[in-house]
Amino acid sequence: MMSKLILLIDDEEPIQKVVRLSLQMEANWQIICASSGLEGLHQAEAQQPDAILLDVMMPEIDGISTFERLRDNLETQAIPVILLTAKTGTAEKRLFQKIGVTGVITKPFNPLTLASQMARLLEWQL
């Protein structure tokens, strides 16, 4: 089975390291990281990942704006996006459902189960 390519868009380097290690160890997925929404948009178009794990709170372009730009681009609109966020209030959950993300994983997350959470949301076999 081909290894999945995951694009992580998160401005925090410690999160990038934990996610990379977690997904490589648990699922043997390849991880590419972007530290900003703009960098993530470029990476998504250039690399065509199997899925995107997207932080909501980032400087300059936040995760929601990044998601909307991904959906507006024919090259990236079909890539499934899972939000990674500490924002889990009712209003936020409604917004996330309304805009059509594939799923939401709450920060702090468990690195030992991150890949299985993602696989469940994406309907992938591990």
N, C-alpha and C. Protein backbone atom coordinates (compact mmCIF):
# COMPACT_ATOMS: atom_id res chain seq x y z
N MET A 1 0.84 -1.18 0.00
CA MET A 1 0.00 0.00 0.00
C MET A 1 0.89 1.24 0.00
N MET A 2 0.52 2.22 -0.81
CA MET A 2 1.28 3.46 -0.89
C MET A 2 1.12 4.26 0.40
N SER A 3 2.21 4.87 0.82
CA SER A 3 2.17 5.73 1.99
C SER A 3 1.40 7.00 1.65
N LYS A 4 0.62 7.48 2.60
CA LYS A 4 -0.13 8.72 2.40
C LYS A 4 0.77 9.92 2.61
N LEU A 5 0.49 11.00 1.90
CA LEU A 5 1.21 12.25 2.06
C LEU A 5 0.28 13.23 2.76
N ILE A 6 0.70 13.71 3.94
CA ILE A 6 -0.10 14.63 4.73
C ILE A 6 0.61 15.98 4.78
N LEU A 7 -0.14 17.04 4.53
CA LEU A 7 0.38 18.40 4.69
C LEU A 7 -0.14 18.94 6.01
N LEU A 8 0.78 19.30 6.89
CA LEU A 8 0.43 19.95 8.16
C LEU A 8 0.70 21.44 8.00
N ILE A 9 -0.34 22.24 8.24
CA ILE A 9 -0.18 23.70 8.22
C ILE A 9 -0.38 24.18 9.65
N ASP A 10 0.72 24.53 10.30
CA ASP A 10 0.69 24.96 11.70
C ASP A 10 1.90 25.85 11.95
N ASP A 11 1.69 26.98 12.61
CA ASP A 11 2.78 27.92 12.83
C ASP A 11 3.67 27.57 14.01
N GLU A 12 3.32 26.56 14.79
CA GLU A 12 4.10 26.20 15.97
C GLU A 12 5.02 25.01 15.67
N GLU A 13 6.33 25.25 15.74
CA GLU A 13 7.30 24.20 15.44
C GLU A 13 7.18 22.97 16.35
N PRO A 14 6.94 23.15 17.67
CA PRO A 14 6.78 21.95 18.52
C PRO A 14 5.61 21.06 18.07
N ILE A 15 4.52 21.68 17.63
CA ILE A 15 3.37 20.91 17.12
C ILE A 15 3.78 20.17 15.86
N GLN A 16 4.51 20.83 14.98
CA GLN A 16 4.98 20.18 13.75
C GLN A 16 5.80 18.94 14.08
N LYS A 17 6.69 19.06 15.04
CA LYS A 17 7.55 17.92 15.40
C LYS A 17 6.74 16.76 15.97
N VAL A 18 5.80 17.06 16.87
CA VAL A 18 4.98 16.01 17.48
C VAL A 18 4.10 15.33 16.43
N VAL A 19 3.47 16.12 15.57
CA VAL A 19 2.59 15.55 14.54
C VAL A 19 3.41 14.69 13.58
N ARG A 20 4.54 15.20 13.13
CA ARG A 20 5.39 14.45 12.20
C ARG A 20 5.77 13.10 12.79
N LEU A 21 6.29 13.11 14.00
CA LEU A 21 6.72 11.88 14.67
C LEU A 21 5.54 10.93 14.87
N SER A 22 4.43 11.48 15.34
CA SER A 22 3.24 10.68 15.61
C SER A 22 2.73 9.97 14.36
N LEU A 23 2.56 10.71 13.27
CA LEU A 23 1.99 10.12 12.05
C LEU A 23 2.96 9.19 11.35
N GLN A 24 4.25 9.48 11.45
CA GLN A 24 5.24 8.58 10.86
C GLN A 24 5.30 7.26 11.65
N MET A 25 5.30 7.37 12.97
CA MET A 25 5.42 6.17 13.82
C MET A 25 4.16 5.30 13.75
N GLU A 26 3.00 5.92 13.87
CA GLU A 26 1.75 5.17 13.95
C GLU A 26 1.26 4.67 12.59
N ALA A 27 1.47 5.46 11.54
CA ALA A 27 0.87 5.11 10.25
C ALA A 27 1.86 5.04 9.09
N ASN A 28 3.11 5.42 9.34
CA ASN A 28 4.12 5.44 8.29
C ASN A 28 3.75 6.39 7.14
N TRP A 29 3.06 7.49 7.49
CA TRP A 29 2.70 8.49 6.50
C TRP A 29 3.85 9.46 6.33
N GLN A 30 3.95 10.04 5.13
CA GLN A 30 4.93 11.10 4.88
C GLN A 30 4.29 12.44 5.27
N ILE A 31 5.07 13.28 5.93
CA ILE A 31 4.54 14.55 6.41
C ILE A 31 5.36 15.69 5.81
N ILE A 32 4.65 16.67 5.26
CA ILE A 32 5.30 17.91 4.87
C ILE A 32 4.66 19.01 5.70
N CYS A 33 5.45 19.99 6.10
CA CYS A 33 4.95 21.03 6.99
C CYS A 33 5.03 22.40 6.32
N ALA A 34 4.05 23.22 6.66
CA ALA A 34 4.04 24.62 6.28
C ALA A 34 3.78 25.42 7.55
N SER A 35 4.48 26.54 7.69
CA SER A 35 4.39 27.33 8.92
C SER A 35 3.40 28.49 8.84
N SER A 36 2.75 28.65 7.69
CA SER A 36 1.76 29.72 7.53
C SER A 36 0.70 29.28 6.53
N GLY A 37 -0.41 30.00 6.55
CA GLY A 37 -1.47 29.70 5.60
C GLY A 37 -1.01 29.86 4.16
N LEU A 38 -0.27 30.95 3.88
CA LEU A 38 0.21 31.17 2.51
C LEU A 38 1.14 30.07 2.05
N GLU A 39 2.09 29.70 2.91
CA GLU A 39 3.01 28.61 2.57
C GLU A 39 2.22 27.32 2.36
N GLY A 40 1.22 27.08 3.20
CA GLY A 40 0.39 25.89 3.07
C GLY A 40 -0.36 25.84 1.75
N LEU A 41 -0.87 26.99 1.31
CA LEU A 41 -1.58 27.05 0.03
C LEU A 41 -0.65 26.67 -1.11
N HIS A 42 0.57 27.19 -1.08
CA HIS A 42 1.55 26.87 -2.13
C HIS A 42 1.93 25.39 -2.08
N GLN A 43 2.16 24.86 -0.88
CA GLN A 43 2.53 23.45 -0.72
C GLN A 43 1.39 22.53 -1.21
N ALA A 44 0.16 22.89 -0.86
CA ALA A 44 -0.98 22.06 -1.25
C ALA A 44 -1.08 21.96 -2.77
N GLU A 45 -0.89 23.09 -3.44
CA GLU A 45 -0.99 23.09 -4.90
C GLU A 45 0.18 22.32 -5.52
N ALA A 46 1.37 22.53 -4.99
CA ALA A 46 2.57 21.90 -5.57
C ALA A 46 2.66 20.41 -5.26
N GLN A 47 2.31 20.01 -4.05
CA GLN A 47 2.52 18.63 -3.60
C GLN A 47 1.30 17.73 -3.75
N GLN A 48 0.09 18.31 -3.83
CA GLN A 48 -1.16 17.53 -3.93
C GLN A 48 -1.22 16.42 -2.86
N PRO A 49 -1.22 16.81 -1.58
CA PRO A 49 -1.24 15.80 -0.52
C PRO A 49 -2.56 15.03 -0.49
N ASP A 50 -2.54 13.88 0.18
CA ASP A 50 -3.76 13.08 0.33
C ASP A 50 -4.73 13.71 1.32
N ALA A 51 -4.20 14.49 2.27
CA ALA A 51 -5.03 15.19 3.25
C ALA A 51 -4.22 16.34 3.84
N ILE A 52 -4.96 17.30 4.42
CA ILE A 52 -4.34 18.45 5.07
C ILE A 52 -4.82 18.51 6.51
N LEU A 53 -3.88 18.68 7.41
CA LEU A 53 -4.17 18.91 8.82
C LEU A 53 -3.88 20.39 9.04
N LEU A 54 -4.90 21.18 9.40
CA LEU A 54 -4.82 22.63 9.37
C LEU A 54 -5.13 23.25 10.72
N ASP A 55 -4.16 24.00 11.25
CA ASP A 55 -4.36 24.74 12.50
C ASP A 55 -5.32 25.90 12.22
N VAL A 56 -6.18 26.21 13.19
CA VAL A 56 -7.14 27.28 12.99
C VAL A 56 -6.54 28.64 13.34
N MET A 57 -5.82 28.72 14.46
CA MET A 57 -5.30 30.02 14.92
C MET A 57 -3.85 30.20 14.46
N MET A 58 -3.69 31.02 13.42
CA MET A 58 -2.36 31.34 12.89
C MET A 58 -2.32 32.83 12.57
N PRO A 59 -1.12 33.43 12.62
CA PRO A 59 -1.01 34.85 12.24
C PRO A 59 -1.21 35.02 10.73
N GLU A 60 -1.43 36.24 10.32
CA GLU A 60 -1.65 36.63 8.93
C GLU A 60 -2.92 36.03 8.36
N ILE A 61 -2.86 34.79 7.89
CA ILE A 61 -4.07 34.14 7.35
C ILE A 61 -4.43 33.00 8.29
N ASP A 62 -5.60 33.08 8.92
CA ASP A 62 -5.98 32.02 9.85
C ASP A 62 -6.42 30.76 9.09
N GLY A 63 -6.69 29.71 9.84
CA GLY A 63 -7.04 28.43 9.23
C GLY A 63 -8.32 28.46 8.42
N ILE A 64 -9.31 29.21 8.90
CA ILE A 64 -10.59 29.27 8.17
C ILE A 64 -10.39 29.95 6.81
N SER A 65 -9.66 31.05 6.79
CA SER A 65 -9.38 31.74 5.52
C SER A 65 -8.53 30.86 4.60
N THR A 66 -7.58 30.14 5.18
CA THR A 66 -6.76 29.21 4.40
C THR A 66 -7.64 28.13 3.78
N PHE A 67 -8.55 27.57 4.60
CA PHE A 67 -9.47 26.54 4.11
C PHE A 67 -10.31 27.08 2.95
N GLU A 68 -10.84 28.30 3.10
CA GLU A 68 -11.68 28.87 2.04
C GLU A 68 -10.88 29.05 0.75
N ARG A 69 -9.63 29.46 0.86
CA ARG A 69 -8.79 29.62 -0.33
C ARG A 69 -8.48 28.26 -0.97
N LEU A 70 -8.29 27.23 -0.14
CA LEU A 70 -8.08 25.88 -0.67
C LEU A 70 -9.30 25.45 -1.48
N ARG A 71 -10.49 25.74 -0.98
CA ARG A 71 -11.73 25.35 -1.65
C ARG A 71 -11.98 26.16 -2.92
N ASP A 72 -11.49 27.40 -2.95
CA ASP A 72 -11.67 28.26 -4.13
C ASP A 72 -10.73 27.92 -5.27
N ASN A 73 -9.71 27.10 -5.00
CA ASN A 73 -8.69 26.75 -5.99
C ASN A 73 -9.02 25.38 -6.59
N LEU A 74 -9.19 25.31 -7.90
CA LEU A 74 -9.51 24.03 -8.56
C LEU A 74 -8.47 22.96 -8.28
N GLU A 75 -7.20 23.37 -8.10
CA GLU A 75 -6.11 22.42 -7.87
C GLU A 75 -6.20 21.76 -6.49
N THR A 76 -6.82 22.45 -5.51
CA THR A 76 -6.79 21.96 -4.13
C THR A 76 -8.17 21.72 -3.52
N GLN A 77 -9.23 22.02 -4.24
CA GLN A 77 -10.56 21.97 -3.62
C GLN A 77 -11.03 20.58 -3.19
N ALA A 78 -10.47 19.53 -3.79
CA ALA A 78 -10.92 18.18 -3.44
C ALA A 78 -10.08 17.53 -2.33
N ILE A 79 -9.03 18.20 -1.88
CA ILE A 79 -8.18 17.62 -0.83
C ILE A 79 -8.92 17.70 0.50
N PRO A 80 -9.10 16.56 1.20
CA PRO A 80 -9.78 16.61 2.50
C PRO A 80 -8.96 17.39 3.52
N VAL A 81 -9.68 18.19 4.34
CA VAL A 81 -9.03 19.04 5.35
C VAL A 81 -9.60 18.72 6.72
N ILE A 82 -8.69 18.45 7.65
CA ILE A 82 -9.05 18.25 9.06
C ILE A 82 -8.48 19.42 9.83
N LEU A 83 -9.34 20.09 10.60
CA LEU A 83 -8.87 21.21 11.42
C LEU A 83 -8.26 20.69 12.71
N LEU A 84 -7.21 21.35 13.13
CA LEU A 84 -6.54 21.05 14.40
C LEU A 84 -6.70 22.31 15.23
N THR A 85 -7.50 22.25 16.31
CA THR A 85 -7.85 23.48 17.00
C THR A 85 -8.15 23.29 18.48
N ALA A 86 -7.91 24.36 19.22
CA ALA A 86 -8.32 24.41 20.63
C ALA A 86 -9.70 25.06 20.73
N LYS A 87 -10.20 25.62 19.62
CA LYS A 87 -11.51 26.26 19.61
C LYS A 87 -12.60 25.21 19.44
N THR A 88 -13.29 24.91 20.51
CA THR A 88 -14.29 23.84 20.42
C THR A 88 -15.64 24.26 21.00
N GLY A 89 -15.90 25.57 21.02
CA GLY A 89 -17.20 26.04 21.48
C GLY A 89 -18.29 25.71 20.47
N THR A 90 -19.52 25.86 20.89
CA THR A 90 -20.66 25.54 20.03
C THR A 90 -20.65 26.36 18.75
N ALA A 91 -20.37 27.65 18.86
CA ALA A 91 -20.36 28.52 17.67
C ALA A 91 -19.28 28.07 16.69
N GLU A 92 -18.10 27.72 17.21
CA GLU A 92 -17.02 27.26 16.33
C GLU A 92 -17.40 25.95 15.65
N LYS A 93 -17.95 25.02 16.42
CA LYS A 93 -18.34 23.72 15.84
C LYS A 93 -19.35 23.91 14.72
N ARG A 94 -20.31 24.83 14.92
CA ARG A 94 -21.31 25.10 13.88
C ARG A 94 -20.62 25.66 12.62
N LEU A 95 -19.70 26.59 12.84
CA LEU A 95 -18.97 27.18 11.71
C LEU A 95 -18.19 26.11 10.96
N PHE A 96 -17.48 25.24 11.67
CA PHE A 96 -16.67 24.20 11.04
C PHE A 96 -17.55 23.27 10.21
N GLN A 97 -18.72 22.90 10.74
CA GLN A 97 -19.64 22.05 9.98
C GLN A 97 -20.17 22.78 8.75
N LYS A 98 -20.52 24.05 8.93
CA LYS A 98 -21.10 24.84 7.85
C LYS A 98 -20.14 25.00 6.67
N ILE A 99 -18.86 25.21 6.96
CA ILE A 99 -17.92 25.43 5.85
C ILE A 99 -17.50 24.13 5.18
N GLY A 100 -17.75 22.99 5.84
CA GLY A 100 -17.55 21.71 5.17
C GLY A 100 -16.19 21.05 5.34
N VAL A 101 -15.56 21.26 6.50
CA VAL A 101 -14.31 20.53 6.72
C VAL A 101 -14.60 19.04 6.90
N THR A 102 -13.61 18.22 6.64
CA THR A 102 -13.76 16.77 6.77
C THR A 102 -13.92 16.36 8.23
N GLY A 103 -13.25 17.09 9.12
CA GLY A 103 -13.33 16.76 10.54
C GLY A 103 -12.55 17.75 11.37
N VAL A 104 -12.63 17.56 12.69
CA VAL A 104 -11.94 18.43 13.63
C VAL A 104 -11.26 17.56 14.67
N ILE A 105 -9.99 17.85 14.94
CA ILE A 105 -9.26 17.20 16.02
C ILE A 105 -8.89 18.30 17.01
N THR A 106 -9.23 18.07 18.27
CA THR A 106 -9.06 19.07 19.31
C THR A 106 -7.65 19.05 19.88
N LYS A 107 -7.08 20.25 20.05
CA LYS A 107 -5.83 20.42 20.78
C LYS A 107 -6.17 20.59 22.25
N PRO A 108 -5.45 20.04 23.17
CA PRO A 108 -4.33 19.14 22.93
C PRO A 108 -4.83 17.78 22.46
N PHE A 109 -4.09 17.15 21.56
CA PHE A 109 -4.45 15.84 21.03
C PHE A 109 -3.51 14.79 21.62
N ASN A 110 -3.89 13.54 21.50
CA ASN A 110 -3.05 12.44 21.96
C ASN A 110 -2.19 11.98 20.79
N PRO A 111 -0.86 12.18 20.85
CA PRO A 111 0.00 11.79 19.73
C PRO A 111 -0.06 10.29 19.41
N LEU A 112 -0.41 9.47 20.41
CA LEU A 112 -0.45 8.02 20.21
C LEU A 112 -1.66 7.58 19.39
N THR A 113 -2.67 8.44 19.30
CA THR A 113 -3.88 8.07 18.56
C THR A 113 -4.20 9.05 17.43
N LEU A 114 -3.31 9.99 17.15
CA LEU A 114 -3.59 10.99 16.13
C LEU A 114 -3.85 10.37 14.76
N ALA A 115 -3.00 9.45 14.33
CA ALA A 115 -3.18 8.83 13.00
C ALA A 115 -4.49 8.06 12.94
N SER A 116 -4.85 7.34 13.99
CA SER A 116 -6.10 6.59 13.95
C SER A 116 -7.31 7.54 13.96
N GLN A 117 -7.22 8.67 14.66
CA GLN A 117 -8.29 9.67 14.61
C GLN A 117 -8.45 10.20 13.18
N MET A 118 -7.32 10.54 12.56
CA MET A 118 -7.36 11.04 11.19
C MET A 118 -7.90 9.98 10.24
N ALA A 119 -7.43 8.76 10.37
CA ALA A 119 -7.88 7.68 9.48
C ALA A 119 -9.39 7.48 9.60
N ARG A 120 -9.90 7.57 10.81
CA ARG A 120 -11.35 7.40 11.03
C ARG A 120 -12.11 8.53 10.31
N LEU A 121 -11.66 9.77 10.47
CA LEU A 121 -12.33 10.91 9.83
C LEU A 121 -12.26 10.83 8.30
N LEU A 122 -11.14 10.31 7.80
CA LEU A 122 -10.92 10.24 6.35
C LEU A 122 -11.43 8.93 5.74
N GLU A 123 -11.87 8.02 6.60
CA GLU A 123 -12.32 6.69 6.18
C GLU A 123 -11.21 5.93 5.46
N TRP A 124 -10.00 5.99 6.04
CA TRP A 124 -8.84 5.26 5.54
C TRP A 124 -8.57 4.08 6.44
N GLN A 125 -7.97 3.05 5.86
CA GLN A 125 -7.50 1.90 6.63
C GLN A 125 -6.07 2.18 7.10
N LEU A 126 -5.78 1.83 8.34
CA LEU A 126 -4.40 1.98 8.82
C LEU A 126 -3.65 0.70 8.65
